[in-house]
Structures are given as C-alpha cells and as structure tokens.
Amino acid sequence: MLSKSKISLLQSLQQKKFRREHGLFLVEGFKSVSEFANSAYQIEAVYYTAAVAPKMLKLSQKINSVEISSAIIEKISALKTAADVVATVRIPQWPALVHDMLNKKFSIVLDGIQDPGNMGTIIRTADWYGIENIICSEDCVEVYNPKVVQATMGSLSRMNVHYVDLEEILAHTKLPVYGALLDGENIYNTNFGTEGLIVMGNEGKGLTDKVKQLVTRAITIPRGGKAESLNVAIATAVFCSEINRNKLK
C-alpha cells in the first residue's frame, strides 16, 4: 500500500517542474521498464499489479519492486489506459557535449521539435538505425515527458540526449551539417560520407533562420505528390534510411 504522499509524488512526475525537482521520470509498461532495467539508467522503484507478478521475476532482484492495486496504478499512470507496471527512473546527469563525441558517426540534431509523439518516434527511429546521439535545441519538448517516453518504446534507454545551444555547437563543429530544407540537393543523389550532423526543424516552421545559416549542405526529400509538407519524424526516418543505405554500399 502506498501512502497518500507517495501517490502524490508519483502523480506530480507528470509535470516537468516536479520531474526536475525530484530528478525522476515515469516509465510505463513491462517491456519499456525491462529496457531501462538493462541499461545504464538507474531505476528507483517499480510498481506493479498482481496481474503481472510472475513477469516481475525476470527483473533484477536488486530493483525495489512494490505490488499495488489496479486502482492505485491508474492514479499514478500518465496514460489514458494504465499499464500494469510503472517505474520511477533517475534522470541522468549527462556529461557536457563535446565535439569529439560526434566524430566518425552521425547524430540527429533537432531544432525546436514540440510534439511528444514526434520526439518519441525520432528517438525510436534513431535507435533502429544505430544512431546514439540526439542533440536538441533548448526549446525542444523534454524527452522525459511521459508521452515522449511512451512513444520511444524503450529506445530512450539506449540514447544519449543533449539539450544545448544549437548555434554554438553548429558554429564550431568541423563535421558536415546536413539540413532538411525544401531547396536543397536531392537526398537520393547525396553521398553522406561517414559522419555528420542531420538537422531537422520544427513541425510548423522548419529550421530557424540562424540555424539555416549554419547548414553546410541543404538536403531535400523530393516530393512526388501534392502534400504541402512531410511529418518531421517521417522525414527523419528517410534521412536515417539513406545514411544507412550509403553505409551498406
């Protein structure tokens, strides 16, 4: 049984200011919790219902696990339909991003991404293609937002996410800076080489003017139909796919 104060704390983690205050975020669903349990993240506690008690044996016995009622788990869940397992996970203190971390690989750079679903899908896509670094402008949606965490389906547990001054990073990098723009070279004719930064813009406004000026190669996904724009998460997947295809040539 959880105390009222503990339930209140867990409910508060649905809000950014309390996630920052307590240094915790929520992960829901057995699969996602398992991914974090097998990662460098530190799980503070796992709360589960009797329905999944047998599954809990698969998690490390060192993890603090507490069986609670379905009614309580519904109170602490951030989802419309509560999962049977909810974990509180420590927000990591990432080391400061330095340029050497980005050499000889590709990283995704996000300029003002606001939609949690898009952010989560981008992280999951990056994980699929083996991209480890997501570099976010300071105004991007927080990756520990419950909707983002849910959309990553556990992939966040393997990702390095940095919130930085994008202009500072892009202005001083020696890597190619590929920007997703409408008036660039055809992505299907682009040789991406072996390293670089892939910059994707805000859902409605695209790249900010200052970031555009720091792009060294503008890249376009050619349109074959009449849609006005392409969803940023889908566009990111196309870029990742082309980079991967180039690697496999």
C-alpha atoms as a PDB file:
ATOM      1  CA  MET A   1       0.000   0.000   0.000  1.00  0.00           C
ATOM      2  CA  LEU A   2       1.337   3.423  -0.931  1.00  0.00           C
ATOM      3  CA  SER A   3       0.945   6.444   1.300  1.00  0.00           C
ATOM      4  CA  LYS A   4      -1.006   9.451   0.071  1.00  0.00           C
ATOM      5  CA  SER A   5       2.211  11.487  -0.030  1.00  0.00           C
ATOM      6  CA  LYS A   6       3.928   8.848  -2.210  1.00  0.00           C
ATOM      7  CA  ILE A   7       0.967   8.708  -4.588  1.00  0.00           C
ATOM      8  CA  SER A   8       1.006  12.497  -4.774  1.00  0.00           C
ATOM      9  CA  LEU A   9       4.725  12.489  -5.591  1.00  0.00           C
ATOM     10  CA  LEU A  10       4.272   9.913  -8.339  1.00  0.00           C
ATOM     11  CA  GLN A  11       1.374  11.858  -9.830  1.00  0.00           C
ATOM     12  CA  SER A  12       3.464  15.040  -9.778  1.00  0.00           C
ATOM     13  CA  LEU A  13       6.033  13.422 -12.108  1.00  0.00           C
ATOM     14  CA  GLN A  14       3.616  14.030 -14.963  1.00  0.00           C
ATOM     15  CA  GLN A  15       4.743  17.668 -14.766  1.00  0.00           C
ATOM     16  CA  LYS A  16       8.148  18.886 -15.907  1.00  0.00           C
ATOM     17  CA  LYS A  17       8.886  21.081 -12.887  1.00  0.00           C
ATOM     18  CA  PHE A  18       8.399  18.181 -10.487  1.00  0.00           C
ATOM     19  CA  ARG A  19      10.448  15.815 -12.641  1.00  0.00           C
ATOM     20  CA  ARG A  20      13.270  18.323 -12.348  1.00  0.00           C
ATOM     21  CA  GLU A  21      12.701  18.834  -8.624  1.00  0.00           C
ATOM     22  CA  HIS A  22      12.785  15.117  -7.796  1.00  0.00           C
ATOM     23  CA  GLY A  23      15.171  14.037 -10.576  1.00  0.00           C
ATOM     24  CA  LEU A  24      12.772  11.275 -11.615  1.00  0.00           C
ATOM     25  CA  PHE A  25      10.581  10.359 -14.561  1.00  0.00           C
ATOM     26  CA  LEU A  26       7.988   7.664 -15.240  1.00  0.00           C
ATOM     27  CA  VAL A  27       8.338   4.631 -17.489  1.00  0.00           C
ATOM     28  CA  GLU A  28       5.223   2.530 -18.109  1.00  0.00           C
ATOM     29  CA  GLY A  29       4.720  -0.977 -19.446  1.00  0.00           C
ATOM     30  CA  PHE A  30       6.735  -4.115 -18.688  1.00  0.00           C
ATOM     31  CA  LYS A  31       8.679  -4.088 -21.965  1.00  0.00           C
ATOM     32  CA  SER A  32       9.838  -0.490 -21.568  1.00  0.00           C
ATOM     33  CA  VAL A  33      10.658  -0.965 -17.889  1.00  0.00           C
ATOM     34  CA  SER A  34      12.717  -4.054 -18.815  1.00  0.00           C
ATOM     35  CA  GLU A  35      14.679  -1.994 -21.360  1.00  0.00           C
ATOM     36  CA  PHE A  36      15.581   0.584 -18.722  1.00  0.00           C
ATOM     37  CA  ALA A  37      16.405  -2.133 -16.180  1.00  0.00           C
ATOM     38  CA  ASN A  38      19.010  -3.465 -18.625  1.00  0.00           C
ATOM     39  CA  SER A  39      20.526  -0.063 -19.380  1.00  0.00           C
ATOM     40  CA  ALA A  40      22.774   2.468 -17.690  1.00  0.00           C
ATOM     41  CA  TYR A  41      19.714   4.227 -16.254  1.00  0.00           C
ATOM     42  CA  GLN A  42      19.012   3.795 -12.541  1.00  0.00           C
ATOM     43  CA  ILE A  43      15.537   2.583 -11.591  1.00  0.00           C
ATOM     44  CA  GLU A  44      14.394   3.944  -8.242  1.00  0.00           C
ATOM     45  CA  ALA A  45      11.340   1.670  -7.887  1.00  0.00           C
ATOM     46  CA  VAL A  46       8.885  -0.435  -9.873  1.00  0.00           C
ATOM     47  CA  TYR A  47       5.162  -0.544  -9.060  1.00  0.00           C
ATOM     48  CA  TYR A  48       3.122  -3.407 -10.474  1.00  0.00           C
ATOM     49  CA  THR A  49      -0.243  -5.137 -10.175  1.00  0.00           C
ATOM     50  CA  ALA A  50      -0.882  -8.774  -9.295  1.00  0.00           C
ATOM     51  CA  ALA A  51      -1.682  -9.478 -12.955  1.00  0.00           C
ATOM     52  CA  VAL A  52       1.987  -9.217 -13.903  1.00  0.00           C
ATOM     53  CA  ALA A  53       3.555 -10.566 -10.696  1.00  0.00           C
ATOM     54  CA  PRO A  54       5.039 -13.668 -12.462  1.00  0.00           C
ATOM     55  CA  LYS A  55       6.756 -11.419 -15.027  1.00  0.00           C
ATOM     56  CA  MET A  56       8.442  -9.408 -12.312  1.00  0.00           C
ATOM     57  CA  LEU A  57      10.744 -12.367 -11.604  1.00  0.00           C
ATOM     58  CA  LYS A  58      12.502 -11.513 -14.894  1.00  0.00           C
ATOM     59  CA  LEU A  59      13.687  -8.201 -13.476  1.00  0.00           C
ATOM     60  CA  SER A  60      16.760  -7.927 -11.265  1.00  0.00           C
ATOM     61  CA  GLN A  61      16.040  -8.786  -7.648  1.00  0.00           C
ATOM     62  CA  LYS A  62      18.094  -5.721  -6.709  1.00  0.00           C
ATOM     63  CA  ILE A  63      15.346  -3.433  -8.031  1.00  0.00           C
ATOM     64  CA  ASN A  64      12.908  -2.169  -5.418  1.00  0.00           C
ATOM     65  CA  SER A  65       9.546  -3.617  -6.532  1.00  0.00           C
ATOM     66  CA  VAL A  66       6.197  -2.894  -4.903  1.00  0.00           C
ATOM     67  CA  GLU A  67       2.912  -4.632  -5.675  1.00  0.00           C
ATOM     68  CA  ILE A  68      -0.048  -2.233  -5.707  1.00  0.00           C
ATOM     69  CA  SER A  69      -3.710  -2.374  -6.706  1.00  0.00           C
ATOM     70  CA  SER A  70      -5.017  -1.583 -10.175  1.00  0.00           C
ATOM     71  CA  ALA A  71      -6.859   1.397  -8.679  1.00  0.00           C
ATOM     72  CA  ILE A  72      -3.605   2.896  -7.385  1.00  0.00           C
ATOM     73  CA  ILE A  73      -1.692   2.266 -10.593  1.00  0.00           C
ATOM     74  CA  GLU A  74      -4.427   4.077 -12.507  1.00  0.00           C
ATOM     75  CA  LYS A  75      -3.930   7.064 -10.219  1.00  0.00           C
ATOM     76  CA  ILE A  76      -0.193   7.300 -10.850  1.00  0.00           C
ATOM     77  CA  SER A  77      -0.243   6.436 -14.561  1.00  0.00           C
ATOM     78  CA  ALA A  78       0.142   9.209 -17.128  1.00  0.00           C
ATOM     79  CA  LEU A  79      -1.583   7.107 -19.809  1.00  0.00           C
ATOM     80  CA  LYS A  80      -5.259   7.026 -20.744  1.00  0.00           C
ATOM     81  CA  THR A  81      -5.159   3.270 -20.274  1.00  0.00           C
ATOM     82  CA  ALA A  82      -2.801   2.483 -17.426  1.00  0.00           C
ATOM     83  CA  ALA A  83      -0.157  -0.191 -17.847  1.00  0.00           C
ATOM     84  CA  ASP A  84       0.288  -2.900 -15.200  1.00  0.00           C
ATOM     85  CA  VAL A  85       3.852  -1.764 -14.479  1.00  0.00           C
ATOM     86  CA  VAL A  86       5.114   1.758 -13.706  1.00  0.00           C
ATOM     87  CA  ALA A  87       8.711   2.566 -12.812  1.00  0.00           C
ATOM     88  CA  THR A  88      10.354   5.693 -11.482  1.00  0.00           C
ATOM     89  CA  VAL A  89      13.722   6.218 -13.150  1.00  0.00           C
ATOM     90  CA  ARG A  90      16.506   8.634 -12.251  1.00  0.00           C
ATOM     91  CA  ILE A  91      17.123  11.439 -14.742  1.00  0.00           C
ATOM     92  CA  PRO A  92      20.795  11.014 -15.675  1.00  0.00           C
ATOM     93  CA  GLN A  93      23.370  13.770 -15.486  1.00  0.00           C
ATOM     94  CA  TRP A  94      24.813  13.627 -18.988  1.00  0.00           C
ATOM     95  CA  PRO A  95      28.404  14.826 -19.433  1.00  0.00           C
ATOM     96  CA  ALA A  96      28.712  18.105 -21.300  1.00  0.00           C
ATOM     97  CA  LEU A  97      28.582  17.594 -25.053  1.00  0.00           C
ATOM     98  CA  VAL A  98      31.995  17.990 -26.645  1.00  0.00           C
ATOM     99  CA  HIS A  99      32.768  17.818 -30.347  1.00  0.00           C
ATOM    100  CA  ASP A 100      34.909  14.676 -30.038  1.00  0.00           C
ATOM    101  CA  MET A 101      31.764  12.733 -29.045  1.00  0.00           C
ATOM    102  CA  LEU A 102      30.339  13.336 -32.510  1.00  0.00           C
ATOM    103  CA  ASN A 103      33.289  12.346 -34.700  1.00  0.00           C
ATOM    104  CA  LYS A 104      33.158   9.350 -37.058  1.00  0.00           C
ATOM    105  CA  LYS A 105      29.403   8.911 -36.658  1.00  0.00           C
ATOM    106  CA  PHE A 106      26.089  10.531 -37.484  1.00  0.00           C
ATOM    107  CA  SER A 107      23.997  12.379 -34.940  1.00  0.00           C
ATOM    108  CA  ILE A 108      20.494  13.824 -35.197  1.00  0.00           C
ATOM    109  CA  VAL A 109      20.056  17.488 -34.337  1.00  0.00           C
ATOM    110  CA  LEU A 110      16.556  18.770 -33.522  1.00  0.00           C
ATOM    111  CA  ASP A 111      15.655  22.447 -33.854  1.00  0.00           C
ATOM    112  CA  GLY A 112      12.509  23.258 -31.874  1.00  0.00           C
ATOM    113  CA  ILE A 113      10.651  19.921 -32.027  1.00  0.00           C
ATOM    114  CA  GLN A 114       7.484  20.363 -29.958  1.00  0.00           C
ATOM    115  CA  ASP A 115       5.294  17.306 -30.420  1.00  0.00           C
ATOM    116  CA  PRO A 116       5.968  14.486 -27.905  1.00  0.00           C
ATOM    117  CA  GLY A 117       4.905  11.834 -30.403  1.00  0.00           C
ATOM    118  CA  ASN A 118       7.344  13.133 -32.995  1.00  0.00           C
ATOM    119  CA  MET A 119      10.171  13.277 -30.473  1.00  0.00           C
ATOM    120  CA  GLY A 120       9.494   9.729 -29.296  1.00  0.00           C
ATOM    121  CA  THR A 121       9.293   8.389 -32.850  1.00  0.00           C
ATOM    122  CA  ILE A 122      12.544  10.128 -33.810  1.00  0.00           C
ATOM    123  CA  ILE A 123      14.319   8.551 -30.832  1.00  0.00           C
ATOM    124  CA  ARG A 124      12.937   5.112 -31.685  1.00  0.00           C
ATOM    125  CA  THR A 125      13.948   5.540 -35.330  1.00  0.00           C
ATOM    126  CA  ALA A 126      17.454   6.639 -34.378  1.00  0.00           C
ATOM    127  CA  ASP A 127      17.780   3.563 -32.169  1.00  0.00           C
ATOM    128  CA  TRP A 128      16.703   1.306 -35.050  1.00  0.00           C
ATOM    129  CA  TYR A 129      19.415   2.739 -37.288  1.00  0.00           C
ATOM    130  CA  GLY A 130      22.120   2.710 -34.621  1.00  0.00           C
ATOM    131  CA  ILE A 131      22.353   6.467 -34.110  1.00  0.00           C
ATOM    132  CA  GLU A 132      23.266   7.108 -30.475  1.00  0.00           C
ATOM    133  CA  ASN A 133      23.191  10.898 -30.118  1.00  0.00           C
ATOM    134  CA  ILE A 134      20.177  13.198 -30.225  1.00  0.00           C
ATOM    135  CA  ILE A 135      21.134  16.863 -29.890  1.00  0.00           C
ATOM    136  CA  CYS A 136      18.198  19.141 -29.040  1.00  0.00           C
ATOM    137  CA  SER A 137      17.769  22.881 -29.010  1.00  0.00           C
ATOM    138  CA  GLU A 138      16.805  24.164 -25.592  1.00  0.00           C
ATOM    139  CA  ASP A 139      13.211  24.792 -26.710  1.00  0.00           C
ATOM    140  CA  CYS A 140      12.556  21.194 -27.788  1.00  0.00           C
ATOM    141  CA  VAL A 141       9.999  19.126 -25.876  1.00  0.00           C
ATOM    142  CA  GLU A 142      11.563  17.368 -22.882  1.00  0.00           C
ATOM    143  CA  VAL A 143      12.430  13.725 -23.557  1.00  0.00           C
ATOM    144  CA  TYR A 144      11.267  12.691 -20.068  1.00  0.00           C
ATOM    145  CA  ASN A 145       7.730  13.859 -20.818  1.00  0.00           C
ATOM    146  CA  PRO A 146       5.582  10.698 -20.283  1.00  0.00           C
ATOM    147  CA  LYS A 147       4.218  10.899 -23.839  1.00  0.00           C
ATOM    148  CA  VAL A 148       7.733  11.021 -25.272  1.00  0.00           C
ATOM    149  CA  VAL A 149       8.923   8.147 -23.080  1.00  0.00           C
ATOM    150  CA  GLN A 150       5.941   6.030 -24.125  1.00  0.00           C
ATOM    151  CA  ALA A 151       6.466   6.763 -27.822  1.00  0.00           C
ATOM    152  CA  THR A 152      10.109   5.641 -27.665  1.00  0.00           C
ATOM    153  CA  MET A 153       9.012   2.111 -26.637  1.00  0.00           C
ATOM    154  CA  GLY A 154      12.152   1.702 -24.537  1.00  0.00           C
ATOM    155  CA  SER A 155      14.588   3.148 -27.082  1.00  0.00           C
ATOM    156  CA  LEU A 156      15.270   6.153 -24.859  1.00  0.00           C
ATOM    157  CA  SER A 157      17.187   3.771 -22.574  1.00  0.00           C
ATOM    158  CA  ARG A 158      19.898   3.454 -25.244  1.00  0.00           C
ATOM    159  CA  MET A 159      20.050   7.069 -26.374  1.00  0.00           C
ATOM    160  CA  ASN A 160      22.302   9.973 -25.383  1.00  0.00           C
ATOM    161  CA  VAL A 161      20.156  13.117 -25.403  1.00  0.00           C
ATOM    162  CA  HIS A 162      21.700  16.560 -25.036  1.00  0.00           C
ATOM    163  CA  TYR A 163      19.974  19.940 -24.747  1.00  0.00           C
ATOM    164  CA  VAL A 164      22.356  22.616 -25.982  1.00  0.00           C
ATOM    165  CA  ASP A 165      22.766  25.991 -27.611  1.00  0.00           C
ATOM    166  CA  LEU A 166      22.492  24.743 -31.202  1.00  0.00           C
ATOM    167  CA  GLU A 167      24.075  27.812 -32.737  1.00  0.00           C
ATOM    168  CA  GLU A 168      27.131  27.346 -30.534  1.00  0.00           C
ATOM    169  CA  ILE A 169      27.510  23.671 -31.438  1.00  0.00           C
ATOM    170  CA  LEU A 170      26.904  24.096 -35.171  1.00  0.00           C
ATOM    171  CA  ALA A 171      29.117  27.162 -35.469  1.00  0.00           C
ATOM    172  CA  HIS A 172      32.145  25.323 -34.079  1.00  0.00           C
ATOM    173  CA  THR A 173      31.771  21.816 -35.482  1.00  0.00           C
ATOM    174  CA  LYS A 174      34.101  20.579 -38.213  1.00  0.00           C
ATOM    175  CA  LEU A 175      31.562  17.975 -39.302  1.00  0.00           C
ATOM    176  CA  PRO A 176      29.276  18.350 -42.320  1.00  0.00           C
ATOM    177  CA  VAL A 177      25.959  19.889 -41.245  1.00  0.00           C
ATOM    178  CA  TYR A 178      23.121  18.447 -43.336  1.00  0.00           C
ATOM    179  CA  GLY A 179      19.922  20.457 -43.068  1.00  0.00           C
ATOM    180  CA  ALA A 180      16.466  19.229 -44.108  1.00  0.00           C
ATOM    181  CA  LEU A 181      15.267  22.044 -46.377  1.00  0.00           C
ATOM    182  CA  LEU A 182      12.930  22.425 -49.336  1.00  0.00           C
ATOM    183  CA  ASP A 183      15.502  23.884 -51.709  1.00  0.00           C
ATOM    184  CA  GLY A 184      18.465  21.554 -51.267  1.00  0.00           C
ATOM    185  CA  GLU A 185      20.071  18.751 -53.232  1.00  0.00           C
ATOM    186  CA  ASN A 186      18.121  15.547 -53.822  1.00  0.00           C
ATOM    187  CA  ILE A 187      18.626  13.213 -50.874  1.00  0.00           C
ATOM    188  CA  TYR A 188      18.698  10.199 -53.185  1.00  0.00           C
ATOM    189  CA  ASN A 189      21.735  11.619 -55.006  1.00  0.00           C
ATOM    190  CA  THR A 190      23.580  12.623 -51.831  1.00  0.00           C
ATOM    191  CA  ASN A 191      26.759  10.942 -50.651  1.00  0.00           C
ATOM    192  CA  PHE A 192      26.616  11.414 -46.888  1.00  0.00           C
ATOM    193  CA  GLY A 193      30.095  10.075 -46.259  1.00  0.00           C
ATOM    194  CA  THR A 194      30.883   8.562 -42.864  1.00  0.00           C
ATOM    195  CA  GLU A 195      29.999  11.308 -40.374  1.00  0.00           C
ATOM    196  CA  GLY A 196      27.881  14.382 -39.918  1.00  0.00           C
ATOM    197  CA  LEU A 197      25.029  16.162 -38.192  1.00  0.00           C
ATOM    198  CA  ILE A 198      21.489  15.753 -39.554  1.00  0.00           C
ATOM    199  CA  VAL A 199      19.442  18.832 -38.641  1.00  0.00           C
ATOM    200  CA  MET A 200      15.641  18.583 -38.566  1.00  0.00           C
ATOM    201  CA  GLY A 201      13.372  21.557 -37.945  1.00  0.00           C
ATOM    202  CA  ASN A 202      10.213  22.466 -36.065  1.00  0.00           C
ATOM    203  CA  GLU A 203       6.937  20.865 -37.191  1.00  0.00           C
ATOM    204  CA  GLY A 204       5.422  24.109 -38.461  1.00  0.00           C
ATOM    205  CA  LYS A 205       8.309  26.497 -39.039  1.00  0.00           C
ATOM    206  CA  GLY A 206      11.183  24.256 -40.076  1.00  0.00           C
ATOM    207  CA  LEU A 207      14.712  25.383 -39.247  1.00  0.00           C
ATOM    208  CA  THR A 208      15.224  28.754 -37.616  1.00  0.00           C
ATOM    209  CA  ASP A 209      16.990  31.358 -39.749  1.00  0.00           C
ATOM    210  CA  LYS A 210      20.111  31.307 -37.572  1.00  0.00           C
ATOM    211  CA  VAL A 211      20.395  27.525 -37.792  1.00  0.00           C
ATOM    212  CA  LYS A 212      19.825  27.624 -41.567  1.00  0.00           C
ATOM    213  CA  GLN A 213      22.861  29.871 -41.902  1.00  0.00           C
ATOM    214  CA  LEU A 214      24.992  27.210 -40.215  1.00  0.00           C
ATOM    215  CA  VAL A 215      23.891  24.377 -42.527  1.00  0.00           C
ATOM    216  CA  THR A 216      26.717  23.400 -44.865  1.00  0.00           C
ATOM    217  CA  ARG A 217      24.628  21.169 -47.142  1.00  0.00           C
ATOM    218  CA  ALA A 218      20.910  21.646 -47.702  1.00  0.00           C
ATOM    219  CA  ILE A 219      19.142  18.346 -48.457  1.00  0.00           C
ATOM    220  CA  THR A 220      15.643  17.841 -49.858  1.00  0.00           C
ATOM    221  CA  ILE A 221      13.370  14.811 -49.919  1.00  0.00           C
ATOM    222  CA  PRO A 222      11.794  15.260 -53.371  1.00  0.00           C
ATOM    223  CA  ARG A 223       8.011  15.474 -53.380  1.00  0.00           C
ATOM    224  CA  GLY A 224       6.102  13.086 -55.627  1.00  0.00           C
ATOM    225  CA  GLY A 225       2.582  14.185 -54.720  1.00  0.00           C
ATOM    226  CA  LYS A 226       0.706  17.267 -53.577  1.00  0.00           C
ATOM    227  CA  ALA A 227       1.133  17.256 -49.803  1.00  0.00           C
ATOM    228  CA  GLU A 228       2.422  20.592 -48.545  1.00  0.00           C
ATOM    229  CA  SER A 229       4.882  19.083 -46.081  1.00  0.00           C
ATOM    230  CA  LEU A 230       6.244  15.856 -44.632  1.00  0.00           C
ATOM    231  CA  ASN A 231       5.974  14.962 -40.941  1.00  0.00           C
ATOM    232  CA  VAL A 232       9.331  15.596 -39.253  1.00  0.00           C
ATOM    233  CA  ALA A 233       9.526  12.107 -37.731  1.00  0.00           C
ATOM    234  CA  ILE A 234       8.892  10.540 -41.148  1.00  0.00           C
ATOM    235  CA  ALA A 235      11.443  12.854 -42.755  1.00  0.00           C
ATOM    236  CA  THR A 236      13.993  11.859 -40.102  1.00  0.00           C
ATOM    237  CA  ALA A 237      13.359   8.197 -40.910  1.00  0.00           C
ATOM    238  CA  VAL A 238      14.016   8.861 -44.606  1.00  0.00           C
ATOM    239  CA  PHE A 239      17.328  10.554 -43.760  1.00  0.00           C
ATOM    240  CA  CYS A 240      18.350   7.707 -41.450  1.00  0.00           C
ATOM    241  CA  SER A 241      17.446   5.149 -44.107  1.00  0.00           C
ATOM    242  CA  GLU A 242      19.514   6.902 -46.771  1.00  0.00           C
ATOM    243  CA  ILE A 243      22.508   7.245 -44.463  1.00  0.00           C
ATOM    244  CA  ASN A 244      22.255   3.542 -43.658  1.00  0.00           C
ATOM    245  CA  ARG A 245      21.931   2.650 -47.344  1.00  0.00           C
ATOM    246  CA  ASN A 246      25.080   4.649 -48.093  1.00  0.00           C
ATOM    247  CA  LYS A 247      26.932   2.732 -45.388  1.00  0.00           C
ATOM    248  CA  LEU A 248      25.884  -0.621 -46.851  1.00  0.00           C
ATOM    249  CA  LYS A 249      27.030   0.138 -50.414  1.00  0.00           C
END
